[in-house]
Amino acid sequence: LERIVRNSAISRLVSSSNSAHSAKHAIDCPLIIPSESTTLPMTWEMGLDGHPRYTLEELRAQCVGAADPFLLVEDDIKSLSGGIKELLLSDHPVLEACAKYFFDTAGGGKQIRPTMVLLISKALNGDSGGISPSQKRLAEITEMIHTASLFHDDVIDKATSRRNVASVNQVFGNKVAILGGDFLLSRASVALARLRNHEVVELLSTVIEHLVKGEIMQMKPTSSSDGSNKAKNTAALEFYLKKNFYKTASLMGNSCLAAAVLGAHSEAHQRACYLYGTYLGQAFQLVDDALDFEGSAEALGKAPLADLRSGLATAPTLFAVDEFPHLASLIERRFESPGDMDQALGLVLSSRGLVRCRQLAQVHAEKAIEAIQILAPSNAKDALTHLACKVVTRKH
């Protein structure tokens, strides 16, 4: 009964929120940058009707000879964790140890978000221009916000591992994990304010709001009451992509945009950076959701099938509904009946759900590459293209 009441309340809140969005899916795009007079829309497309322009081999061919994105900013990334740990110094040893946990024990993870910010900064400033101190600090802030969200997510999801080590809630307990996440956000906010750029403060503050909204959306049962009704399943996919924007793509898009703002670059370049980050964020999450079915615990750094175990229907499952309509009833009850999870897994693996999920990820990655074509030629720009290729072809 408690779950029914909670889900009903969340459904009302989310439905109310969704009514504010236009039919064109202008999803919480930045309101302050560019100015209202601009003719350049800061919106992204869901791409559900799109198809990849290239085969994976053709996409890889575009990256031949391009700089490796991680090697190009390797020196800056190596000092990133040290810079973050300096920001997390505290007179409370447990709180400090908790906040620093992933930076001390897990090698910092993939670090794709700060890598994006640093590469965008280099591409904007030119290979000889380097990365400004404020842009480097922005990369640290971005990773702190992301790590805080992982702390909170692992408590909500009752996770036991992350990045091949015990999750922070397993080591410190739920209460300290939540407070450690709050501490990360507070220190990130102080560092953000010290950049002395109110537009960047607004952008990154909005990201934190989006993370909360995305988590609330994820708590809502996926609406797909009639599996034979393609329109309803499309609506479920659109809801899923909106949720992904809030939980993943917003941080990437707005951080790339903030890097352009800090460098006082043109509105056209600001838009290019925002769209690159947002589209690549969507691609990254889609591949993550495919890997949840395909990967091993060792490769993923966490238990596979985490979404199904949590009752969540992601893109592979939602696409599979088109071939197996009765999967919709399992999604509605969040795979809670005996045998639901095994049945859902079998149906997804028997369908084209994983293929379509990866194809949609490639559509978004190609849009990310297209968005930055207005940037001047540079090694960093080539590395951004290479990064998009790496995102859609990764195996972990």
Foldseek 3Di string as FASTA:
>chain_A
DVLVVLLVVLVVVVVVVVVVADPQRQFCFDDVFPDPPDPDRLGDHLQLVHFFPDDLVVLVVLLVVFDALCVVCVVLVVCLLVVLLVLLDDPDVLLSCLLSVCSPPQVLPPLVQLSLLQLLLCLQLDVVRHADPLSSLLSSLLSLLLVLLQLVVCLVLVFQWASQHGRSCNVNNNVSSNVSSVSSNVSSLVSQVVLVDVSLSVLVVVLSVLLVVLVSLQSHQQDDPFLQDVVSLVVSQVSQLSSLLSNWQSSQLSSQLSSCVSVVHDSLSSSLSNLLSNLLRSLLVLVVLLLLLVPPCVQRRGHRPSQLVSLHDHQLLSVLSNVVVVLSVCSRVSVPDPPSSVVSSVSSVVGCRSVSSLRSSSVSLVSSLVSCPVGDDHSSNSNSSVVSSCSSPPND
